[in-house]
Amino acid sequence: MKFQIESPEKLGLLIRASRKAMELRQDDAAGSIGVSENFLGKVERGAETVQWGKLFLVMKELGLDISVEVPEEFSSSAELHLKRLLDKRQSGNTAASGEDA
């Protein structure tokens, strides 16, 4: 089921609702995910200062996916730009890792 997310608060509430639907206590979920209970509480309250990496880890471990709908009139161009940016980032990461070797 898709949910429209307009704010960090709504995303947090959806994460909390999903955890509760799985019958997981907040402390148990935090421990199994590898984040603090305090961090998970911030996520579920929709705090605007959470770390992106940890937020996506929480979502992944709870089985939640996120997607962004791009307006159809821009989707082809956005897809092309995204591919170029990802290719550029990948080639930069490959060069950087080669320097460390």
N, C-alpha and C. Protein backbone atom coordinates (compact mmCIF):
# COMPACT_ATOMS: atom_id res chain seq x y z
N MET A 1 0.84 -1.18 0.00
CA MET A 1 0.00 0.00 0.00
C MET A 1 0.89 1.25 0.00
N LYS A 2 0.54 2.23 -0.78
CA LYS A 2 1.30 3.47 -0.85
C LYS A 2 0.68 4.50 0.08
N PHE A 3 1.55 5.28 0.74
CA PHE A 3 1.13 6.38 1.59
C PHE A 3 1.80 7.65 1.10
N GLN A 4 1.06 8.71 1.01
CA GLN A 4 1.62 10.01 0.63
C GLN A 4 2.34 10.59 1.83
N ILE A 5 3.60 10.96 1.65
CA ILE A 5 4.41 11.52 2.74
C ILE A 5 4.69 12.98 2.42
N GLU A 6 4.19 13.87 3.28
CA GLU A 6 4.38 15.31 3.07
C GLU A 6 5.34 15.93 4.06
N SER A 7 5.74 15.18 5.07
CA SER A 7 6.56 15.76 6.13
C SER A 7 7.33 14.69 6.87
N PRO A 8 8.40 15.08 7.57
CA PRO A 8 9.11 14.12 8.42
C PRO A 8 8.17 13.52 9.47
N GLU A 9 7.23 14.33 9.98
CA GLU A 9 6.30 13.83 11.00
C GLU A 9 5.46 12.67 10.46
N LYS A 10 4.94 12.81 9.25
CA LYS A 10 4.10 11.74 8.70
C LYS A 10 4.93 10.49 8.43
N LEU A 11 6.16 10.65 7.95
CA LEU A 11 7.03 9.50 7.75
C LEU A 11 7.30 8.82 9.08
N GLY A 12 7.58 9.61 10.12
CA GLY A 12 7.82 9.04 11.44
C GLY A 12 6.61 8.28 11.96
N LEU A 13 5.44 8.84 11.77
CA LEU A 13 4.23 8.17 12.22
C LEU A 13 4.00 6.86 11.46
N LEU A 14 4.31 6.86 10.18
CA LEU A 14 4.17 5.63 9.39
C LEU A 14 5.17 4.58 9.86
N ILE A 15 6.38 5.00 10.16
CA ILE A 15 7.38 4.06 10.67
C ILE A 15 6.92 3.48 12.01
N ARG A 16 6.42 4.34 12.90
CA ARG A 16 5.91 3.87 14.18
C ARG A 16 4.74 2.90 13.99
N ALA A 17 3.80 3.26 13.12
CA ALA A 17 2.64 2.41 12.87
C ALA A 17 3.07 1.05 12.32
N SER A 18 4.07 1.04 11.45
CA SER A 18 4.56 -0.21 10.88
C SER A 18 5.22 -1.07 11.95
N ARG A 19 6.03 -0.44 12.81
CA ARG A 19 6.67 -1.19 13.90
C ARG A 19 5.62 -1.81 14.81
N LYS A 20 4.61 -1.02 15.16
CA LYS A 20 3.55 -1.52 16.04
C LYS A 20 2.76 -2.64 15.36
N ALA A 21 2.52 -2.52 14.06
CA ALA A 21 1.81 -3.56 13.33
C ALA A 21 2.60 -4.87 13.35
N MET A 22 3.93 -4.76 13.42
CA MET A 22 4.80 -5.94 13.51
C MET A 22 4.92 -6.44 14.94
N GLU A 23 4.22 -5.75 15.85
CA GLU A 23 4.23 -6.09 17.27
C GLU A 23 5.64 -6.06 17.86
N LEU A 24 6.41 -5.05 17.46
CA LEU A 24 7.76 -4.85 17.98
C LEU A 24 7.76 -3.69 18.96
N ARG A 25 8.35 -3.92 20.12
CA ARG A 25 8.54 -2.81 21.06
C ARG A 25 9.66 -1.93 20.53
N GLN A 26 9.62 -0.66 20.86
CA GLN A 26 10.60 0.28 20.34
C GLN A 26 12.02 -0.13 20.73
N ASP A 27 12.23 -0.54 21.98
CA ASP A 27 13.57 -0.92 22.41
C ASP A 27 14.06 -2.18 21.71
N ASP A 28 13.17 -3.14 21.48
CA ASP A 28 13.55 -4.36 20.77
C ASP A 28 13.88 -4.07 19.31
N ALA A 29 13.05 -3.24 18.67
CA ALA A 29 13.30 -2.88 17.27
C ALA A 29 14.63 -2.15 17.14
N ALA A 30 14.86 -1.18 18.01
CA ALA A 30 16.12 -0.41 17.96
C ALA A 30 17.31 -1.34 18.12
N GLY A 31 17.24 -2.25 19.08
CA GLY A 31 18.35 -3.18 19.32
C GLY A 31 18.62 -4.08 18.13
N SER A 32 17.57 -4.61 17.52
CA SER A 32 17.77 -5.51 16.39
C SER A 32 18.26 -4.77 15.14
N ILE A 33 17.89 -3.51 15.02
CA ILE A 33 18.33 -2.71 13.87
C ILE A 33 19.76 -2.22 14.06
N GLY A 34 20.13 -1.96 15.31
CA GLY A 34 21.48 -1.47 15.58
C GLY A 34 21.54 0.04 15.76
N VAL A 35 20.42 0.63 16.17
CA VAL A 35 20.37 2.05 16.49
C VAL A 35 19.90 2.20 17.93
N SER A 36 20.10 3.36 18.50
CA SER A 36 19.65 3.57 19.87
C SER A 36 18.14 3.75 19.91
N GLU A 37 17.57 3.45 21.07
CA GLU A 37 16.14 3.66 21.24
C GLU A 37 15.82 5.15 21.11
N ASN A 38 16.73 6.00 21.57
CA ASN A 38 16.57 7.45 21.45
C ASN A 38 16.48 7.85 19.98
N PHE A 39 17.35 7.29 19.14
CA PHE A 39 17.33 7.62 17.71
C PHE A 39 16.00 7.17 17.09
N LEU A 40 15.59 5.94 17.37
CA LEU A 40 14.35 5.44 16.80
C LEU A 40 13.17 6.30 17.26
N GLY A 41 13.21 6.76 18.50
CA GLY A 41 12.16 7.65 18.99
C GLY A 41 12.12 8.95 18.20
N LYS A 42 13.31 9.49 17.90
CA LYS A 42 13.37 10.73 17.10
C LYS A 42 12.79 10.50 15.71
N VAL A 43 13.13 9.37 15.11
CA VAL A 43 12.59 9.04 13.79
C VAL A 43 11.07 8.99 13.86
N GLU A 44 10.55 8.29 14.86
CA GLU A 44 9.10 8.10 14.96
C GLU A 44 8.37 9.39 15.31
N ARG A 45 9.06 10.34 15.90
CA ARG A 45 8.45 11.64 16.19
C ARG A 45 8.59 12.61 15.01
N GLY A 46 9.33 12.20 13.99
CA GLY A 46 9.50 13.05 12.81
C GLY A 46 10.50 14.17 13.01
N ALA A 47 11.48 13.94 13.88
CA ALA A 47 12.50 14.96 14.10
C ALA A 47 13.19 15.29 12.78
N GLU A 48 13.46 16.55 12.57
CA GLU A 48 14.04 16.98 11.30
C GLU A 48 15.56 16.90 11.27
N THR A 49 16.16 16.40 12.34
CA THR A 49 17.62 16.37 12.42
C THR A 49 18.19 14.95 12.45
N VAL A 50 17.43 13.96 12.01
CA VAL A 50 17.95 12.59 12.02
C VAL A 50 18.95 12.38 10.89
N GLN A 51 19.83 11.41 11.07
CA GLN A 51 20.83 11.10 10.06
C GLN A 51 20.19 10.24 8.97
N TRP A 52 20.40 10.65 7.71
CA TRP A 52 19.79 9.97 6.58
C TRP A 52 20.16 8.49 6.54
N GLY A 53 21.42 8.18 6.71
CA GLY A 53 21.87 6.79 6.63
C GLY A 53 21.16 5.91 7.63
N LYS A 54 21.06 6.38 8.86
CA LYS A 54 20.37 5.61 9.90
C LYS A 54 18.88 5.53 9.62
N LEU A 55 18.30 6.60 9.10
CA LEU A 55 16.87 6.59 8.77
C LEU A 55 16.58 5.50 7.75
N PHE A 56 17.40 5.43 6.70
CA PHE A 56 17.19 4.42 5.68
C PHE A 56 17.46 3.01 6.22
N LEU A 57 18.38 2.87 7.15
CA LEU A 57 18.62 1.58 7.80
C LEU A 57 17.38 1.14 8.56
N VAL A 58 16.78 2.04 9.33
CA VAL A 58 15.56 1.72 10.07
C VAL A 58 14.47 1.27 9.10
N MET A 59 14.28 2.04 8.04
CA MET A 59 13.23 1.70 7.07
C MET A 59 13.49 0.35 6.43
N LYS A 60 14.74 0.10 6.03
CA LYS A 60 15.08 -1.17 5.39
C LYS A 60 14.81 -2.33 6.34
N GLU A 61 15.23 -2.21 7.58
CA GLU A 61 15.07 -3.30 8.54
C GLU A 61 13.61 -3.54 8.89
N LEU A 62 12.76 -2.53 8.75
CA LEU A 62 11.33 -2.71 8.98
C LEU A 62 10.59 -3.11 7.69
N GLY A 63 11.35 -3.28 6.60
CA GLY A 63 10.75 -3.70 5.34
C GLY A 63 10.03 -2.60 4.60
N LEU A 64 10.38 -1.35 4.88
CA LEU A 64 9.72 -0.21 4.23
C LEU A 64 10.57 0.29 3.07
N ASP A 65 9.94 0.55 1.95
CA ASP A 65 10.60 1.11 0.77
C ASP A 65 10.13 2.54 0.60
N ILE A 66 10.97 3.34 0.00
CA ILE A 66 10.57 4.72 -0.28
C ILE A 66 10.79 4.98 -1.77
N SER A 67 9.90 5.73 -2.36
CA SER A 67 10.05 6.11 -3.76
C SER A 67 9.59 7.55 -3.92
N VAL A 68 10.03 8.15 -5.01
CA VAL A 68 9.67 9.53 -5.31
C VAL A 68 9.05 9.56 -6.69
N GLU A 69 7.90 10.18 -6.80
CA GLU A 69 7.26 10.33 -8.10
C GLU A 69 7.69 11.65 -8.72
N VAL A 70 8.27 11.55 -9.89
CA VAL A 70 8.70 12.73 -10.64
C VAL A 70 7.61 13.02 -11.67
N PRO A 71 7.21 14.28 -11.83
CA PRO A 71 6.18 14.59 -12.83
C PRO A 71 6.57 14.02 -14.20
N GLU A 72 5.61 13.45 -14.87
CA GLU A 72 5.84 12.77 -16.16
C GLU A 72 6.59 13.66 -17.15
N GLU A 73 6.28 14.95 -17.16
CA GLU A 73 6.92 15.85 -18.13
C GLU A 73 8.42 15.99 -17.92
N PHE A 74 8.92 15.65 -16.71
CA PHE A 74 10.35 15.75 -16.42
C PHE A 74 11.00 14.40 -16.22
N SER A 75 10.23 13.33 -16.21
CA SER A 75 10.77 12.03 -15.80
C SER A 75 11.89 11.52 -16.70
N SER A 76 11.76 11.63 -17.99
CA SER A 76 12.81 11.14 -18.90
C SER A 76 14.11 11.91 -18.70
N SER A 77 14.00 13.22 -18.61
CA SER A 77 15.18 14.05 -18.41
C SER A 77 15.81 13.80 -17.04
N ALA A 78 14.97 13.68 -16.02
CA ALA A 78 15.48 13.41 -14.67
C ALA A 78 16.19 12.07 -14.61
N GLU A 79 15.62 11.07 -15.30
CA GLU A 79 16.23 9.74 -15.32
C GLU A 79 17.61 9.80 -15.98
N LEU A 80 17.73 10.53 -17.08
CA LEU A 80 19.00 10.68 -17.77
C LEU A 80 20.03 11.38 -16.88
N HIS A 81 19.62 12.48 -16.23
CA HIS A 81 20.53 13.20 -15.34
C HIS A 81 20.95 12.33 -14.15
N LEU A 82 20.01 11.58 -13.61
CA LEU A 82 20.33 10.70 -12.48
C LEU A 82 21.35 9.66 -12.90
N LYS A 83 21.17 9.06 -14.06
CA LYS A 83 22.12 8.07 -14.54
C LYS A 83 23.51 8.68 -14.67
N ARG A 84 23.59 9.87 -15.24
CA ARG A 84 24.90 10.54 -15.39
C ARG A 84 25.53 10.82 -14.03
N LEU A 85 24.72 11.30 -13.09
CA LEU A 85 25.25 11.59 -11.75
C LEU A 85 25.73 10.32 -11.05
N LEU A 86 24.97 9.26 -11.17
CA LEU A 86 25.38 7.99 -10.55
C LEU A 86 26.64 7.44 -11.21
N ASP A 87 26.71 7.54 -12.54
CA ASP A 87 27.92 7.09 -13.25
C ASP A 87 29.13 7.90 -12.81
N LYS A 88 28.95 9.21 -12.70
CA LYS A 88 30.04 10.09 -12.28
C LYS A 88 30.49 9.75 -10.86
N ARG A 89 29.53 9.53 -9.98
CA ARG A 89 29.86 9.17 -8.59
C ARG A 89 30.57 7.83 -8.55
N GLN A 90 30.09 6.87 -9.34
CA GLN A 90 30.70 5.53 -9.36
C GLN A 90 32.13 5.60 -9.88
N SER A 91 32.35 6.36 -10.94
CA SER A 91 33.70 6.46 -11.48
C SER A 91 34.62 7.19 -10.51
N GLY A 92 34.08 8.15 -9.76
CA GLY A 92 34.87 8.84 -8.74
C GLY A 92 35.22 7.92 -7.59
N ASN A 93 34.28 7.06 -7.18
CA ASN A 93 34.54 6.10 -6.11
C ASN A 93 35.56 5.06 -6.53
N THR A 94 35.50 4.64 -7.80
CA THR A 94 36.45 3.65 -8.31
C THR A 94 37.84 4.24 -8.33
N ALA A 95 37.96 5.50 -8.77
CA ALA A 95 39.27 6.16 -8.82
C ALA A 95 39.82 6.34 -7.41
N ALA A 96 38.95 6.73 -6.48
CA ALA A 96 39.40 6.95 -5.10
C ALA A 96 39.85 5.64 -4.47
N SER A 97 39.12 4.56 -4.71
CA SER A 97 39.51 3.29 -4.12
C SER A 97 40.81 2.76 -4.76
N GLY A 98 41.01 3.09 -6.02
CA GLY A 98 42.26 2.69 -6.69
C GLY A 98 43.46 3.40 -6.11
N GLU A 99 43.27 4.64 -5.66
CA GLU A 99 44.37 5.39 -5.07
C GLU A 99 44.77 4.83 -3.73
N ASP A 100 43.81 4.27 -3.00
CA ASP A 100 44.11 3.72 -1.68
C ASP A 100 44.83 2.38 -1.77
N ALA A 101 44.70 1.69 -2.90
CA ALA A 101 45.25 0.35 -3.01
C ALA A 101 46.76 0.33 -3.10
